PDBML (XML) file of the C-alpha atoms, coordinates in Angstrom:
<?xml version="1.0" encoding="UTF-8" ?>
<PDBx:datablock datablockName="MODEL"
   xmlns:PDBx="http://pdbml.pdb.org/schema/pdbx-v50.xsd"
   xmlns:xsi="http://www.w3.org/2001/XMLSchema-instance"
   xsi:schemaLocation="http://pdbml.pdb.org/schema/pdbx-v50.xsd pdbx-v50.xsd">
   <PDBx:atom_siteCategory>
      <PDBx:atom_site id="1">
         <PDBx:B_iso_or_equiv>0.00</PDBx:B_iso_or_equiv>
         <PDBx:Cartn_x>-169.142</PDBx:Cartn_x>
         <PDBx:Cartn_y>18.908</PDBx:Cartn_y>
         <PDBx:Cartn_z>-41.496</PDBx:Cartn_z>
         <PDBx:auth_asym_id>A</PDBx:auth_asym_id>
         <PDBx:auth_atom_id>CA</PDBx:auth_atom_id>
         <PDBx:auth_comp_id>ILE</PDBx:auth_comp_id>
         <PDBx:auth_seq_id>1</PDBx:auth_seq_id>
         <PDBx:group_PDB>ATOM</PDBx:group_PDB>
         <PDBx:label_alt_id xsi:nil="true" />
         <PDBx:label_asym_id>A</PDBx:label_asym_id>
         <PDBx:label_atom_id>CA</PDBx:label_atom_id>
         <PDBx:label_comp_id>ILE</PDBx:label_comp_id>
         <PDBx:label_entity_id>1</PDBx:label_entity_id>
         <PDBx:label_seq_id>1</PDBx:label_seq_id>
         <PDBx:occupancy>1.00</PDBx:occupancy>
         <PDBx:pdbx_PDB_model_num>1</PDBx:pdbx_PDB_model_num>
         <PDBx:type_symbol>C</PDBx:type_symbol>
      </PDBx:atom_site>
      <PDBx:atom_site id="2">
         <PDBx:B_iso_or_equiv>0.00</PDBx:B_iso_or_equiv>
         <PDBx:Cartn_x>-173.285</PDBx:Cartn_x>
         <PDBx:Cartn_y>19.196</PDBx:Cartn_y>
         <PDBx:Cartn_z>-42.177</PDBx:Cartn_z>
         <PDBx:auth_asym_id>A</PDBx:auth_asym_id>
         <PDBx:auth_atom_id>CA</PDBx:auth_atom_id>
         <PDBx:auth_comp_id>SER</PDBx:auth_comp_id>
         <PDBx:auth_seq_id>2</PDBx:auth_seq_id>
         <PDBx:group_PDB>ATOM</PDBx:group_PDB>
         <PDBx:label_alt_id xsi:nil="true" />
         <PDBx:label_asym_id>A</PDBx:label_asym_id>
         <PDBx:label_atom_id>CA</PDBx:label_atom_id>
         <PDBx:label_comp_id>SER</PDBx:label_comp_id>
         <PDBx:label_entity_id>1</PDBx:label_entity_id>
         <PDBx:label_seq_id>2</PDBx:label_seq_id>
         <PDBx:occupancy>1.00</PDBx:occupancy>
         <PDBx:pdbx_PDB_model_num>1</PDBx:pdbx_PDB_model_num>
         <PDBx:type_symbol>C</PDBx:type_symbol>
      </PDBx:atom_site>
      <PDBx:atom_site id="3">
         <PDBx:B_iso_or_equiv>0.00</PDBx:B_iso_or_equiv>
         <PDBx:Cartn_x>-174.714</PDBx:Cartn_x>
         <PDBx:Cartn_y>16.135</PDBx:Cartn_y>
         <PDBx:Cartn_z>-41.403</PDBx:Cartn_z>
         <PDBx:auth_asym_id>A</PDBx:auth_asym_id>
         <PDBx:auth_atom_id>CA</PDBx:auth_atom_id>
         <PDBx:auth_comp_id>ALA</PDBx:auth_comp_id>
         <PDBx:auth_seq_id>3</PDBx:auth_seq_id>
         <PDBx:group_PDB>ATOM</PDBx:group_PDB>
         <PDBx:label_alt_id xsi:nil="true" />
         <PDBx:label_asym_id>A</PDBx:label_asym_id>
         <PDBx:label_atom_id>CA</PDBx:label_atom_id>
         <PDBx:label_comp_id>ALA</PDBx:label_comp_id>
         <PDBx:label_entity_id>1</PDBx:label_entity_id>
         <PDBx:label_seq_id>3</PDBx:label_seq_id>
         <PDBx:occupancy>1.00</PDBx:occupancy>
         <PDBx:pdbx_PDB_model_num>1</PDBx:pdbx_PDB_model_num>
         <PDBx:type_symbol>C</PDBx:type_symbol>
      </PDBx:atom_site>
      <PDBx:atom_site id="4">
         <PDBx:B_iso_or_equiv>0.00</PDBx:B_iso_or_equiv>
         <PDBx:Cartn_x>-175.873</PDBx:Cartn_x>
         <PDBx:Cartn_y>15.790</PDBx:Cartn_y>
         <PDBx:Cartn_z>-45.252</PDBx:Cartn_z>
         <PDBx:auth_asym_id>A</PDBx:auth_asym_id>
         <PDBx:auth_atom_id>CA</PDBx:auth_atom_id>
         <PDBx:auth_comp_id>ALA</PDBx:auth_comp_id>
         <PDBx:auth_seq_id>4</PDBx:auth_seq_id>
         <PDBx:group_PDB>ATOM</PDBx:group_PDB>
         <PDBx:label_alt_id xsi:nil="true" />
         <PDBx:label_asym_id>A</PDBx:label_asym_id>
         <PDBx:label_atom_id>CA</PDBx:label_atom_id>
         <PDBx:label_comp_id>ALA</PDBx:label_comp_id>
         <PDBx:label_entity_id>1</PDBx:label_entity_id>
         <PDBx:label_seq_id>4</PDBx:label_seq_id>
         <PDBx:occupancy>1.00</PDBx:occupancy>
         <PDBx:pdbx_PDB_model_num>1</PDBx:pdbx_PDB_model_num>
         <PDBx:type_symbol>C</PDBx:type_symbol>
      </PDBx:atom_site>
      <PDBx:atom_site id="5">
         <PDBx:B_iso_or_equiv>0.00</PDBx:B_iso_or_equiv>
         <PDBx:Cartn_x>-171.730</PDBx:Cartn_x>
         <PDBx:Cartn_y>16.362</PDBx:Cartn_y>
         <PDBx:Cartn_z>-46.343</PDBx:Cartn_z>
         <PDBx:auth_asym_id>A</PDBx:auth_asym_id>
         <PDBx:auth_atom_id>CA</PDBx:auth_atom_id>
         <PDBx:auth_comp_id>GLU</PDBx:auth_comp_id>
         <PDBx:auth_seq_id>5</PDBx:auth_seq_id>
         <PDBx:group_PDB>ATOM</PDBx:group_PDB>
         <PDBx:label_alt_id xsi:nil="true" />
         <PDBx:label_asym_id>A</PDBx:label_asym_id>
         <PDBx:label_atom_id>CA</PDBx:label_atom_id>
         <PDBx:label_comp_id>GLU</PDBx:label_comp_id>
         <PDBx:label_entity_id>1</PDBx:label_entity_id>
         <PDBx:label_seq_id>5</PDBx:label_seq_id>
         <PDBx:occupancy>1.00</PDBx:occupancy>
         <PDBx:pdbx_PDB_model_num>1</PDBx:pdbx_PDB_model_num>
         <PDBx:type_symbol>C</PDBx:type_symbol>
      </PDBx:atom_site>
      <PDBx:atom_site id="6">
         <PDBx:B_iso_or_equiv>0.00</PDBx:B_iso_or_equiv>
         <PDBx:Cartn_x>-170.863</PDBx:Cartn_x>
         <PDBx:Cartn_y>13.030</PDBx:Cartn_y>
         <PDBx:Cartn_z>-43.422</PDBx:Cartn_z>
         <PDBx:auth_asym_id>A</PDBx:auth_asym_id>
         <PDBx:auth_atom_id>CA</PDBx:auth_atom_id>
         <PDBx:auth_comp_id>LYS</PDBx:auth_comp_id>
         <PDBx:auth_seq_id>6</PDBx:auth_seq_id>
         <PDBx:group_PDB>ATOM</PDBx:group_PDB>
         <PDBx:label_alt_id xsi:nil="true" />
         <PDBx:label_asym_id>A</PDBx:label_asym_id>
         <PDBx:label_atom_id>CA</PDBx:label_atom_id>
         <PDBx:label_comp_id>LYS</PDBx:label_comp_id>
         <PDBx:label_entity_id>1</PDBx:label_entity_id>
         <PDBx:label_seq_id>6</PDBx:label_seq_id>
         <PDBx:occupancy>1.00</PDBx:occupancy>
         <PDBx:pdbx_PDB_model_num>1</PDBx:pdbx_PDB_model_num>
         <PDBx:type_symbol>C</PDBx:type_symbol>
      </PDBx:atom_site>
      <PDBx:atom_site id="7">
         <PDBx:B_iso_or_equiv>0.00</PDBx:B_iso_or_equiv>
         <PDBx:Cartn_x>-173.493</PDBx:Cartn_x>
         <PDBx:Cartn_y>10.752</PDBx:Cartn_y>
         <PDBx:Cartn_z>-44.595</PDBx:Cartn_z>
         <PDBx:auth_asym_id>A</PDBx:auth_asym_id>
         <PDBx:auth_atom_id>CA</PDBx:auth_atom_id>
         <PDBx:auth_comp_id>LEU</PDBx:auth_comp_id>
         <PDBx:auth_seq_id>7</PDBx:auth_seq_id>
         <PDBx:group_PDB>ATOM</PDBx:group_PDB>
         <PDBx:label_alt_id xsi:nil="true" />
         <PDBx:label_asym_id>A</PDBx:label_asym_id>
         <PDBx:label_atom_id>CA</PDBx:label_atom_id>
         <PDBx:label_comp_id>LEU</PDBx:label_comp_id>
         <PDBx:label_entity_id>1</PDBx:label_entity_id>
         <PDBx:label_seq_id>7</PDBx:label_seq_id>
         <PDBx:occupancy>1.00</PDBx:occupancy>
         <PDBx:pdbx_PDB_model_num>1</PDBx:pdbx_PDB_model_num>
         <PDBx:type_symbol>C</PDBx:type_symbol>
      </PDBx:atom_site>
      <PDBx:atom_site id="8">
         <PDBx:B_iso_or_equiv>0.00</PDBx:B_iso_or_equiv>
         <PDBx:Cartn_x>-172.667</PDBx:Cartn_x>
         <PDBx:Cartn_y>11.490</PDBx:Cartn_y>
         <PDBx:Cartn_z>-48.371</PDBx:Cartn_z>
         <PDBx:auth_asym_id>A</PDBx:auth_asym_id>
         <PDBx:auth_atom_id>CA</PDBx:auth_atom_id>
         <PDBx:auth_comp_id>LEU</PDBx:auth_comp_id>
         <PDBx:auth_seq_id>8</PDBx:auth_seq_id>
         <PDBx:group_PDB>ATOM</PDBx:group_PDB>
         <PDBx:label_alt_id xsi:nil="true" />
         <PDBx:label_asym_id>A</PDBx:label_asym_id>
         <PDBx:label_atom_id>CA</PDBx:label_atom_id>
         <PDBx:label_comp_id>LEU</PDBx:label_comp_id>
         <PDBx:label_entity_id>1</PDBx:label_entity_id>
         <PDBx:label_seq_id>8</PDBx:label_seq_id>
         <PDBx:occupancy>1.00</PDBx:occupancy>
         <PDBx:pdbx_PDB_model_num>1</PDBx:pdbx_PDB_model_num>
         <PDBx:type_symbol>C</PDBx:type_symbol>
      </PDBx:atom_site>
      <PDBx:atom_site id="9">
         <PDBx:B_iso_or_equiv>0.00</PDBx:B_iso_or_equiv>
         <PDBx:Cartn_x>-168.929</PDBx:Cartn_x>
         <PDBx:Cartn_y>10.757</PDBx:Cartn_y>
         <PDBx:Cartn_z>-47.595</PDBx:Cartn_z>
         <PDBx:auth_asym_id>A</PDBx:auth_asym_id>
         <PDBx:auth_atom_id>CA</PDBx:auth_atom_id>
         <PDBx:auth_comp_id>TRP</PDBx:auth_comp_id>
         <PDBx:auth_seq_id>9</PDBx:auth_seq_id>
         <PDBx:group_PDB>ATOM</PDBx:group_PDB>
         <PDBx:label_alt_id xsi:nil="true" />
         <PDBx:label_asym_id>A</PDBx:label_asym_id>
         <PDBx:label_atom_id>CA</PDBx:label_atom_id>
         <PDBx:label_comp_id>TRP</PDBx:label_comp_id>
         <PDBx:label_entity_id>1</PDBx:label_entity_id>
         <PDBx:label_seq_id>9</PDBx:label_seq_id>
         <PDBx:occupancy>1.00</PDBx:occupancy>
         <PDBx:pdbx_PDB_model_num>1</PDBx:pdbx_PDB_model_num>
         <PDBx:type_symbol>C</PDBx:type_symbol>
      </PDBx:atom_site>
      <PDBx:atom_site id="10">
         <PDBx:B_iso_or_equiv>0.00</PDBx:B_iso_or_equiv>
         <PDBx:Cartn_x>-169.807</PDBx:Cartn_x>
         <PDBx:Cartn_y>7.714</PDBx:Cartn_y>
         <PDBx:Cartn_z>-45.724</PDBx:Cartn_z>
         <PDBx:auth_asym_id>A</PDBx:auth_asym_id>
         <PDBx:auth_atom_id>CA</PDBx:auth_atom_id>
         <PDBx:auth_comp_id>LEU</PDBx:auth_comp_id>
         <PDBx:auth_seq_id>10</PDBx:auth_seq_id>
         <PDBx:group_PDB>ATOM</PDBx:group_PDB>
         <PDBx:label_alt_id xsi:nil="true" />
         <PDBx:label_asym_id>A</PDBx:label_asym_id>
         <PDBx:label_atom_id>CA</PDBx:label_atom_id>
         <PDBx:label_comp_id>LEU</PDBx:label_comp_id>
         <PDBx:label_entity_id>1</PDBx:label_entity_id>
         <PDBx:label_seq_id>10</PDBx:label_seq_id>
         <PDBx:occupancy>1.00</PDBx:occupancy>
         <PDBx:pdbx_PDB_model_num>1</PDBx:pdbx_PDB_model_num>
         <PDBx:type_symbol>C</PDBx:type_symbol>
      </PDBx:atom_site>
      <PDBx:atom_site id="11">
         <PDBx:B_iso_or_equiv>0.00</PDBx:B_iso_or_equiv>
         <PDBx:Cartn_x>-171.891</PDBx:Cartn_x>
         <PDBx:Cartn_y>6.432</PDBx:Cartn_y>
         <PDBx:Cartn_z>-48.556</PDBx:Cartn_z>
         <PDBx:auth_asym_id>A</PDBx:auth_asym_id>
         <PDBx:auth_atom_id>CA</PDBx:auth_atom_id>
         <PDBx:auth_comp_id>VAL</PDBx:auth_comp_id>
         <PDBx:auth_seq_id>11</PDBx:auth_seq_id>
         <PDBx:group_PDB>ATOM</PDBx:group_PDB>
         <PDBx:label_alt_id xsi:nil="true" />
         <PDBx:label_asym_id>A</PDBx:label_asym_id>
         <PDBx:label_atom_id>CA</PDBx:label_atom_id>
         <PDBx:label_comp_id>VAL</PDBx:label_comp_id>
         <PDBx:label_entity_id>1</PDBx:label_entity_id>
         <PDBx:label_seq_id>11</PDBx:label_seq_id>
         <PDBx:occupancy>1.00</PDBx:occupancy>
         <PDBx:pdbx_PDB_model_num>1</PDBx:pdbx_PDB_model_num>
         <PDBx:type_symbol>C</PDBx:type_symbol>
      </PDBx:atom_site>
      <PDBx:atom_site id="12">
         <PDBx:B_iso_or_equiv>0.00</PDBx:B_iso_or_equiv>
         <PDBx:Cartn_x>-168.996</PDBx:Cartn_x>
         <PDBx:Cartn_y>7.327</PDBx:Cartn_y>
         <PDBx:Cartn_z>-51.162</PDBx:Cartn_z>
         <PDBx:auth_asym_id>A</PDBx:auth_asym_id>
         <PDBx:auth_atom_id>CA</PDBx:auth_atom_id>
         <PDBx:auth_comp_id>VAL</PDBx:auth_comp_id>
         <PDBx:auth_seq_id>12</PDBx:auth_seq_id>
         <PDBx:group_PDB>ATOM</PDBx:group_PDB>
         <PDBx:label_alt_id xsi:nil="true" />
         <PDBx:label_asym_id>A</PDBx:label_asym_id>
         <PDBx:label_atom_id>CA</PDBx:label_atom_id>
         <PDBx:label_comp_id>VAL</PDBx:label_comp_id>
         <PDBx:label_entity_id>1</PDBx:label_entity_id>
         <PDBx:label_seq_id>12</PDBx:label_seq_id>
         <PDBx:occupancy>1.00</PDBx:occupancy>
         <PDBx:pdbx_PDB_model_num>1</PDBx:pdbx_PDB_model_num>
         <PDBx:type_symbol>C</PDBx:type_symbol>
      </PDBx:atom_site>
      <PDBx:atom_site id="13">
         <PDBx:B_iso_or_equiv>0.00</PDBx:B_iso_or_equiv>
         <PDBx:Cartn_x>-166.757</PDBx:Cartn_x>
         <PDBx:Cartn_y>5.637</PDBx:Cartn_y>
         <PDBx:Cartn_z>-48.653</PDBx:Cartn_z>
         <PDBx:auth_asym_id>A</PDBx:auth_asym_id>
         <PDBx:auth_atom_id>CA</PDBx:auth_atom_id>
         <PDBx:auth_comp_id>THR</PDBx:auth_comp_id>
         <PDBx:auth_seq_id>13</PDBx:auth_seq_id>
         <PDBx:group_PDB>ATOM</PDBx:group_PDB>
         <PDBx:label_alt_id xsi:nil="true" />
         <PDBx:label_asym_id>A</PDBx:label_asym_id>
         <PDBx:label_atom_id>CA</PDBx:label_atom_id>
         <PDBx:label_comp_id>THR</PDBx:label_comp_id>
         <PDBx:label_entity_id>1</PDBx:label_entity_id>
         <PDBx:label_seq_id>13</PDBx:label_seq_id>
         <PDBx:occupancy>1.00</PDBx:occupancy>
         <PDBx:pdbx_PDB_model_num>1</PDBx:pdbx_PDB_model_num>
         <PDBx:type_symbol>C</PDBx:type_symbol>
      </PDBx:atom_site>
      <PDBx:atom_site id="14">
         <PDBx:B_iso_or_equiv>0.00</PDBx:B_iso_or_equiv>
         <PDBx:Cartn_x>-168.423</PDBx:Cartn_x>
         <PDBx:Cartn_y>2.426</PDBx:Cartn_y>
         <PDBx:Cartn_z>-48.065</PDBx:Cartn_z>
         <PDBx:auth_asym_id>A</PDBx:auth_asym_id>
         <PDBx:auth_atom_id>CA</PDBx:auth_atom_id>
         <PDBx:auth_comp_id>TRP</PDBx:auth_comp_id>
         <PDBx:auth_seq_id>14</PDBx:auth_seq_id>
         <PDBx:group_PDB>ATOM</PDBx:group_PDB>
         <PDBx:label_alt_id xsi:nil="true" />
         <PDBx:label_asym_id>A</PDBx:label_asym_id>
         <PDBx:label_atom_id>CA</PDBx:label_atom_id>
         <PDBx:label_comp_id>TRP</PDBx:label_comp_id>
         <PDBx:label_entity_id>1</PDBx:label_entity_id>
         <PDBx:label_seq_id>14</PDBx:label_seq_id>
         <PDBx:occupancy>1.00</PDBx:occupancy>
         <PDBx:pdbx_PDB_model_num>1</PDBx:pdbx_PDB_model_num>
         <PDBx:type_symbol>C</PDBx:type_symbol>
      </PDBx:atom_site>
      <PDBx:atom_site id="15">
         <PDBx:B_iso_or_equiv>0.00</PDBx:B_iso_or_equiv>
         <PDBx:Cartn_x>-169.843</PDBx:Cartn_x>
         <PDBx:Cartn_y>1.481</PDBx:Cartn_y>
         <PDBx:Cartn_z>-51.284</PDBx:Cartn_z>
         <PDBx:auth_asym_id>A</PDBx:auth_asym_id>
         <PDBx:auth_atom_id>CA</PDBx:auth_atom_id>
         <PDBx:auth_comp_id>VAL</PDBx:auth_comp_id>
         <PDBx:auth_seq_id>15</PDBx:auth_seq_id>
         <PDBx:group_PDB>ATOM</PDBx:group_PDB>
         <PDBx:label_alt_id xsi:nil="true" />
         <PDBx:label_asym_id>A</PDBx:label_asym_id>
         <PDBx:label_atom_id>CA</PDBx:label_atom_id>
         <PDBx:label_comp_id>VAL</PDBx:label_comp_id>
         <PDBx:label_entity_id>1</PDBx:label_entity_id>
         <PDBx:label_seq_id>15</PDBx:label_seq_id>
         <PDBx:occupancy>1.00</PDBx:occupancy>
         <PDBx:pdbx_PDB_model_num>1</PDBx:pdbx_PDB_model_num>
         <PDBx:type_symbol>C</PDBx:type_symbol>
      </PDBx:atom_site>
      <PDBx:atom_site id="16">
         <PDBx:B_iso_or_equiv>0.00</PDBx:B_iso_or_equiv>
         <PDBx:Cartn_x>-167.392</PDBx:Cartn_x>
         <PDBx:Cartn_y>2.857</PDBx:Cartn_y>
         <PDBx:Cartn_z>-53.583</PDBx:Cartn_z>
         <PDBx:auth_asym_id>A</PDBx:auth_asym_id>
         <PDBx:auth_atom_id>CA</PDBx:auth_atom_id>
         <PDBx:auth_comp_id>PHE</PDBx:auth_comp_id>
         <PDBx:auth_seq_id>16</PDBx:auth_seq_id>
         <PDBx:group_PDB>ATOM</PDBx:group_PDB>
         <PDBx:label_alt_id xsi:nil="true" />
         <PDBx:label_asym_id>A</PDBx:label_asym_id>
         <PDBx:label_atom_id>CA</PDBx:label_atom_id>
         <PDBx:label_comp_id>PHE</PDBx:label_comp_id>
         <PDBx:label_entity_id>1</PDBx:label_entity_id>
         <PDBx:label_seq_id>16</PDBx:label_seq_id>
         <PDBx:occupancy>1.00</PDBx:occupancy>
         <PDBx:pdbx_PDB_model_num>1</PDBx:pdbx_PDB_model_num>
         <PDBx:type_symbol>C</PDBx:type_symbol>
      </PDBx:atom_site>
      <PDBx:atom_site id="17">
         <PDBx:B_iso_or_equiv>0.00</PDBx:B_iso_or_equiv>
         <PDBx:Cartn_x>-164.598</PDBx:Cartn_x>
         <PDBx:Cartn_y>0.652</PDBx:Cartn_y>
         <PDBx:Cartn_z>-51.483</PDBx:Cartn_z>
         <PDBx:auth_asym_id>A</PDBx:auth_asym_id>
         <PDBx:auth_atom_id>CA</PDBx:auth_atom_id>
         <PDBx:auth_comp_id>TRP</PDBx:auth_comp_id>
         <PDBx:auth_seq_id>17</PDBx:auth_seq_id>
         <PDBx:group_PDB>ATOM</PDBx:group_PDB>
         <PDBx:label_alt_id xsi:nil="true" />
         <PDBx:label_asym_id>A</PDBx:label_asym_id>
         <PDBx:label_atom_id>CA</PDBx:label_atom_id>
         <PDBx:label_comp_id>TRP</PDBx:label_comp_id>
         <PDBx:label_entity_id>1</PDBx:label_entity_id>
         <PDBx:label_seq_id>17</PDBx:label_seq_id>
         <PDBx:occupancy>1.00</PDBx:occupancy>
         <PDBx:pdbx_PDB_model_num>1</PDBx:pdbx_PDB_model_num>
         <PDBx:type_symbol>C</PDBx:type_symbol>
      </PDBx:atom_site>
      <PDBx:atom_site id="18">
         <PDBx:B_iso_or_equiv>0.00</PDBx:B_iso_or_equiv>
         <PDBx:Cartn_x>-161.339</PDBx:Cartn_x>
         <PDBx:Cartn_y>0.388</PDBx:Cartn_y>
         <PDBx:Cartn_z>-53.729</PDBx:Cartn_z>
         <PDBx:auth_asym_id>A</PDBx:auth_asym_id>
         <PDBx:auth_atom_id>CA</PDBx:auth_atom_id>
         <PDBx:auth_comp_id>PRO</PDBx:auth_comp_id>
         <PDBx:auth_seq_id>18</PDBx:auth_seq_id>
         <PDBx:group_PDB>ATOM</PDBx:group_PDB>
         <PDBx:label_alt_id xsi:nil="true" />
         <PDBx:label_asym_id>A</PDBx:label_asym_id>
         <PDBx:label_atom_id>CA</PDBx:label_atom_id>
         <PDBx:label_comp_id>PRO</PDBx:label_comp_id>
         <PDBx:label_entity_id>1</PDBx:label_entity_id>
         <PDBx:label_seq_id>18</PDBx:label_seq_id>
         <PDBx:occupancy>1.00</PDBx:occupancy>
         <PDBx:pdbx_PDB_model_num>1</PDBx:pdbx_PDB_model_num>
         <PDBx:type_symbol>C</PDBx:type_symbol>
      </PDBx:atom_site>
      <PDBx:atom_site id="19">
         <PDBx:B_iso_or_equiv>0.00</PDBx:B_iso_or_equiv>
         <PDBx:Cartn_x>-161.126</PDBx:Cartn_x>
         <PDBx:Cartn_y>4.641</PDBx:Cartn_y>
         <PDBx:Cartn_z>-53.464</PDBx:Cartn_z>
         <PDBx:auth_asym_id>A</PDBx:auth_asym_id>
         <PDBx:auth_atom_id>CA</PDBx:auth_atom_id>
         <PDBx:auth_comp_id>ILE</PDBx:auth_comp_id>
         <PDBx:auth_seq_id>19</PDBx:auth_seq_id>
         <PDBx:group_PDB>ATOM</PDBx:group_PDB>
         <PDBx:label_alt_id xsi:nil="true" />
         <PDBx:label_asym_id>A</PDBx:label_asym_id>
         <PDBx:label_atom_id>CA</PDBx:label_atom_id>
         <PDBx:label_comp_id>ILE</PDBx:label_comp_id>
         <PDBx:label_entity_id>1</PDBx:label_entity_id>
         <PDBx:label_seq_id>19</PDBx:label_seq_id>
         <PDBx:occupancy>1.00</PDBx:occupancy>
         <PDBx:pdbx_PDB_model_num>1</PDBx:pdbx_PDB_model_num>
         <PDBx:type_symbol>C</PDBx:type_symbol>
      </PDBx:atom_site>
      <PDBx:atom_site id="20">
         <PDBx:B_iso_or_equiv>0.00</PDBx:B_iso_or_equiv>
         <PDBx:Cartn_x>-164.025</PDBx:Cartn_x>
         <PDBx:Cartn_y>6.223</PDBx:Cartn_y>
         <PDBx:Cartn_z>-51.922</PDBx:Cartn_z>
         <PDBx:auth_asym_id>A</PDBx:auth_asym_id>
         <PDBx:auth_atom_id>CA</PDBx:auth_atom_id>
         <PDBx:auth_comp_id>GLY</PDBx:auth_comp_id>
         <PDBx:auth_seq_id>20</PDBx:auth_seq_id>
         <PDBx:group_PDB>ATOM</PDBx:group_PDB>
         <PDBx:label_alt_id xsi:nil="true" />
         <PDBx:label_asym_id>A</PDBx:label_asym_id>
         <PDBx:label_atom_id>CA</PDBx:label_atom_id>
         <PDBx:label_comp_id>GLY</PDBx:label_comp_id>
         <PDBx:label_entity_id>1</PDBx:label_entity_id>
         <PDBx:label_seq_id>20</PDBx:label_seq_id>
         <PDBx:occupancy>1.00</PDBx:occupancy>
         <PDBx:pdbx_PDB_model_num>1</PDBx:pdbx_PDB_model_num>
         <PDBx:type_symbol>C</PDBx:type_symbol>
      </PDBx:atom_site>
      <PDBx:atom_site id="21">
         <PDBx:B_iso_or_equiv>0.00</PDBx:B_iso_or_equiv>
         <PDBx:Cartn_x>-161.402</PDBx:Cartn_x>
         <PDBx:Cartn_y>5.970</PDBx:Cartn_y>
         <PDBx:Cartn_z>-48.472</PDBx:Cartn_z>
         <PDBx:auth_asym_id>A</PDBx:auth_asym_id>
         <PDBx:auth_atom_id>CA</PDBx:auth_atom_id>
         <PDBx:auth_comp_id>PRO</PDBx:auth_comp_id>
         <PDBx:auth_seq_id>21</PDBx:auth_seq_id>
         <PDBx:group_PDB>ATOM</PDBx:group_PDB>
         <PDBx:label_alt_id xsi:nil="true" />
         <PDBx:label_asym_id>A</PDBx:label_asym_id>
         <PDBx:label_atom_id>CA</PDBx:label_atom_id>
         <PDBx:label_comp_id>PRO</PDBx:label_comp_id>
         <PDBx:label_entity_id>1</PDBx:label_entity_id>
         <PDBx:label_seq_id>21</PDBx:label_seq_id>
         <PDBx:occupancy>1.00</PDBx:occupancy>
         <PDBx:pdbx_PDB_model_num>1</PDBx:pdbx_PDB_model_num>
         <PDBx:type_symbol>C</PDBx:type_symbol>
      </PDBx:atom_site>
      <PDBx:atom_site id="22">
         <PDBx:B_iso_or_equiv>0.00</PDBx:B_iso_or_equiv>
         <PDBx:Cartn_x>-158.694</PDBx:Cartn_x>
         <PDBx:Cartn_y>8.222</PDBx:Cartn_y>
         <PDBx:Cartn_z>-50.516</PDBx:Cartn_z>
         <PDBx:auth_asym_id>A</PDBx:auth_asym_id>
         <PDBx:auth_atom_id>CA</PDBx:auth_atom_id>
         <PDBx:auth_comp_id>PHE</PDBx:auth_comp_id>
         <PDBx:auth_seq_id>22</PDBx:auth_seq_id>
         <PDBx:group_PDB>ATOM</PDBx:group_PDB>
         <PDBx:label_alt_id xsi:nil="true" />
         <PDBx:label_asym_id>A</PDBx:label_asym_id>
         <PDBx:label_atom_id>CA</PDBx:label_atom_id>
         <PDBx:label_comp_id>PHE</PDBx:label_comp_id>
         <PDBx:label_entity_id>1</PDBx:label_entity_id>
         <PDBx:label_seq_id>22</PDBx:label_seq_id>
         <PDBx:occupancy>1.00</PDBx:occupancy>
         <PDBx:pdbx_PDB_model_num>1</PDBx:pdbx_PDB_model_num>
         <PDBx:type_symbol>C</PDBx:type_symbol>
      </PDBx:atom_site>
      <PDBx:atom_site id="23">
         <PDBx:B_iso_or_equiv>0.00</PDBx:B_iso_or_equiv>
         <PDBx:Cartn_x>-161.371</PDBx:Cartn_x>
         <PDBx:Cartn_y>10.069</PDBx:Cartn_y>
         <PDBx:Cartn_z>-52.380</PDBx:Cartn_z>
         <PDBx:auth_asym_id>A</PDBx:auth_asym_id>
         <PDBx:auth_atom_id>CA</PDBx:auth_atom_id>
         <PDBx:auth_comp_id>LEU</PDBx:auth_comp_id>
         <PDBx:auth_seq_id>23</PDBx:auth_seq_id>
         <PDBx:group_PDB>ATOM</PDBx:group_PDB>
         <PDBx:label_alt_id xsi:nil="true" />
         <PDBx:label_asym_id>A</PDBx:label_asym_id>
         <PDBx:label_atom_id>CA</PDBx:label_atom_id>
         <PDBx:label_comp_id>LEU</PDBx:label_comp_id>
         <PDBx:label_entity_id>1</PDBx:label_entity_id>
         <PDBx:label_seq_id>23</PDBx:label_seq_id>
         <PDBx:occupancy>1.00</PDBx:occupancy>
         <PDBx:pdbx_PDB_model_num>1</PDBx:pdbx_PDB_model_num>
         <PDBx:type_symbol>C</PDBx:type_symbol>
      </PDBx:atom_site>
      <PDBx:atom_site id="24">
         <PDBx:B_iso_or_equiv>0.00</PDBx:B_iso_or_equiv>
         <PDBx:Cartn_x>-162.537</PDBx:Cartn_x>
         <PDBx:Cartn_y>11.437</PDBx:Cartn_y>
         <PDBx:Cartn_z>-48.699</PDBx:Cartn_z>
         <PDBx:auth_asym_id>A</PDBx:auth_asym_id>
         <PDBx:auth_atom_id>CA</PDBx:auth_atom_id>
         <PDBx:auth_comp_id>TYR</PDBx:auth_comp_id>
         <PDBx:auth_seq_id>24</PDBx:auth_seq_id>
         <PDBx:group_PDB>ATOM</PDBx:group_PDB>
         <PDBx:label_alt_id xsi:nil="true" />
         <PDBx:label_asym_id>A</PDBx:label_asym_id>
         <PDBx:label_atom_id>CA</PDBx:label_atom_id>
         <PDBx:label_comp_id>TYR</PDBx:label_comp_id>
         <PDBx:label_entity_id>1</PDBx:label_entity_id>
         <PDBx:label_seq_id>24</PDBx:label_seq_id>
         <PDBx:occupancy>1.00</PDBx:occupancy>
         <PDBx:pdbx_PDB_model_num>1</PDBx:pdbx_PDB_model_num>
         <PDBx:type_symbol>C</PDBx:type_symbol>
      </PDBx:atom_site>
   </PDBx:atom_siteCategory>
</PDBx:datablock>
């Protein structure tokens, strides 16, 4: 995926820690 999408998913994963990995 693009670098912007990677950054967005990394932020979602680490900021919303209880559900971020599941969302990804």
